């Protein structure tokens, strides 16, 4: 039986926020985005090619949003 860690729960919670609407990444704060990126990067999806591709795409979107927030280009 696989045990669910606190990090797994936190990752799932943040992913649910992101996937719940089209503006999911805009809802999260900079700190939450950084935490989500760290949690997703730490998860091993090498056993599932589709999940690995989704991970890479999500990390790109998170990094783009963090860049926009860091430069102050987007006013939320």
C-alpha atoms as a PDB file:
ATOM      1  CA  UNK A   1       0.000   0.000   0.000  1.00  0.00           C
ATOM      2  CA  UNK A   2       1.326   3.414  -0.960  1.00  0.00           C
ATOM      3  CA  UNK A   3       1.447   5.980   1.809  1.00  0.00           C
ATOM      4  CA  UNK A   4       0.402   9.527   1.007  1.00  0.00           C
ATOM      5  CA  UNK A   5       2.841  12.053   2.406  1.00  0.00           C
ATOM      6  CA  UNK A   6       2.129  15.640   3.404  1.00  0.00           C
ATOM      7  CA  UNK A   7       4.005  16.781   0.290  1.00  0.00           C
ATOM      8  CA  UNK A   8       1.788  14.592  -1.902  1.00  0.00           C
ATOM      9  CA  UNK A   9      -1.319  16.094  -0.323  1.00  0.00           C
ATOM     10  CA  UNK A  10      -0.009  19.637  -0.754  1.00  0.00           C
ATOM     11  CA  UNK A  11       0.930  18.960  -4.408  1.00  0.00           C
ATOM     12  CA  UNK A  12      -2.512  17.519  -5.157  1.00  0.00           C
ATOM     13  CA  UNK A  13      -4.239  20.449  -3.434  1.00  0.00           C
ATOM     14  CA  UNK A  14      -2.297  23.005  -5.491  1.00  0.00           C
ATOM     15  CA  UNK A  15      -2.810  21.037  -8.709  1.00  0.00           C
ATOM     16  CA  UNK A  16      -6.557  20.952  -8.062  1.00  0.00           C
ATOM     17  CA  UNK A  17      -6.581  24.751  -7.791  1.00  0.00           C
ATOM     18  CA  UNK A  18      -4.650  25.062 -11.042  1.00  0.00           C
ATOM     19  CA  UNK A  19      -6.836  22.597 -12.922  1.00  0.00           C
ATOM     20  CA  UNK A  20     -10.155  23.819 -11.532  1.00  0.00           C
ATOM     21  CA  UNK A  21     -10.351  26.802 -13.868  1.00  0.00           C
ATOM     22  CA  UNK A  22      -8.652  28.464 -16.811  1.00  0.00           C
ATOM     23  CA  UNK A  23      -7.179  31.102 -14.528  1.00  0.00           C
ATOM     24  CA  UNK A  24      -5.821  28.603 -12.003  1.00  0.00           C
ATOM     25  CA  UNK A  25      -2.222  29.794 -12.239  1.00  0.00           C
ATOM     26  CA  UNK A  26      -3.354  33.390 -11.740  1.00  0.00           C
ATOM     27  CA  UNK A  27      -5.111  32.492  -8.502  1.00  0.00           C
ATOM     28  CA  UNK A  28      -1.954  31.207  -6.813  1.00  0.00           C
ATOM     29  CA  UNK A  29       0.499  33.530  -5.119  1.00  0.00           C
ATOM     30  CA  UNK A  30       4.154  33.679  -6.099  1.00  0.00           C
ATOM     31  CA  UNK A  31       5.088  31.569  -3.072  1.00  0.00           C
ATOM     32  CA  UNK A  32       2.460  28.947  -3.910  1.00  0.00           C
ATOM     33  CA  UNK A  33       3.696  28.792  -7.509  1.00  0.00           C
ATOM     34  CA  UNK A  34       7.273  28.323  -6.334  1.00  0.00           C
ATOM     35  CA  UNK A  35       6.184  25.592  -3.929  1.00  0.00           C
ATOM     36  CA  UNK A  36       4.144  23.843  -6.632  1.00  0.00           C
ATOM     37  CA  UNK A  37       7.110  23.959  -9.022  1.00  0.00           C
ATOM     38  CA  UNK A  38       9.358  22.415  -6.368  1.00  0.00           C
ATOM     39  CA  UNK A  39       6.823  19.691  -5.560  1.00  0.00           C
ATOM     40  CA  UNK A  40       6.203  18.820  -9.218  1.00  0.00           C
ATOM     41  CA  UNK A  41       9.931  18.806 -10.047  1.00  0.00           C
ATOM     42  CA  UNK A  42      10.554  16.436  -7.151  1.00  0.00           C
ATOM     43  CA  UNK A  43       7.939  13.917  -8.276  1.00  0.00           C
ATOM     44  CA  UNK A  44       9.193  11.108 -10.541  1.00  0.00           C
ATOM     45  CA  UNK A  45       6.939  10.562 -13.547  1.00  0.00           C
ATOM     46  CA  UNK A  46       9.453   8.575 -15.635  1.00  0.00           C
ATOM     47  CA  UNK A  47       7.206   5.491 -15.586  1.00  0.00           C
ATOM     48  CA  UNK A  48       4.427   7.337 -17.473  1.00  0.00           C
ATOM     49  CA  UNK A  49       5.376   9.229 -20.639  1.00  0.00           C
ATOM     50  CA  UNK A  50       2.119  11.217 -20.807  1.00  0.00           C
ATOM     51  CA  UNK A  51       2.480  12.315 -17.189  1.00  0.00           C
ATOM     52  CA  UNK A  52       6.094  13.308 -17.829  1.00  0.00           C
ATOM     53  CA  UNK A  53       5.047  15.451 -20.795  1.00  0.00           C
ATOM     54  CA  UNK A  54       2.287  17.052 -18.706  1.00  0.00           C
ATOM     55  CA  UNK A  55       4.823  17.742 -15.944  1.00  0.00           C
ATOM     56  CA  UNK A  56       7.143  19.523 -18.389  1.00  0.00           C
ATOM     57  CA  UNK A  57       4.284  21.587 -19.842  1.00  0.00           C
ATOM     58  CA  UNK A  58       3.035  22.548 -16.377  1.00  0.00           C
ATOM     59  CA  UNK A  59       6.518  23.591 -15.270  1.00  0.00           C
ATOM     60  CA  UNK A  60       6.810  25.797 -18.364  1.00  0.00           C
ATOM     61  CA  UNK A  61       3.512  27.497 -17.527  1.00  0.00           C
ATOM     62  CA  UNK A  62       4.518  27.957 -13.874  1.00  0.00           C
ATOM     63  CA  UNK A  63       7.882  29.420 -14.860  1.00  0.00           C
ATOM     64  CA  UNK A  64       6.217  31.797 -17.331  1.00  0.00           C
ATOM     65  CA  UNK A  65       3.801  32.977 -14.647  1.00  0.00           C
ATOM     66  CA  UNK A  66       6.635  33.423 -12.140  1.00  0.00           C
ATOM     67  CA  UNK A  67       8.571  35.430 -14.719  1.00  0.00           C
ATOM     68  CA  UNK A  68       5.557  37.663 -15.333  1.00  0.00           C
ATOM     69  CA  UNK A  69       5.024  38.195 -11.607  1.00  0.00           C
ATOM     70  CA  UNK A  70       8.723  38.857 -11.018  1.00  0.00           C
ATOM     71  CA  UNK A  71       8.969  41.525 -13.685  1.00  0.00           C
ATOM     72  CA  UNK A  72       5.713  43.120 -12.666  1.00  0.00           C
ATOM     73  CA  UNK A  73       4.508  42.783 -16.241  1.00  0.00           C
ATOM     74  CA  UNK A  74       1.085  41.545 -15.230  1.00  0.00           C
ATOM     75  CA  UNK A  75      -1.070  43.342 -12.729  1.00  0.00           C
ATOM     76  CA  UNK A  76      -3.377  40.877 -11.031  1.00  0.00           C
END
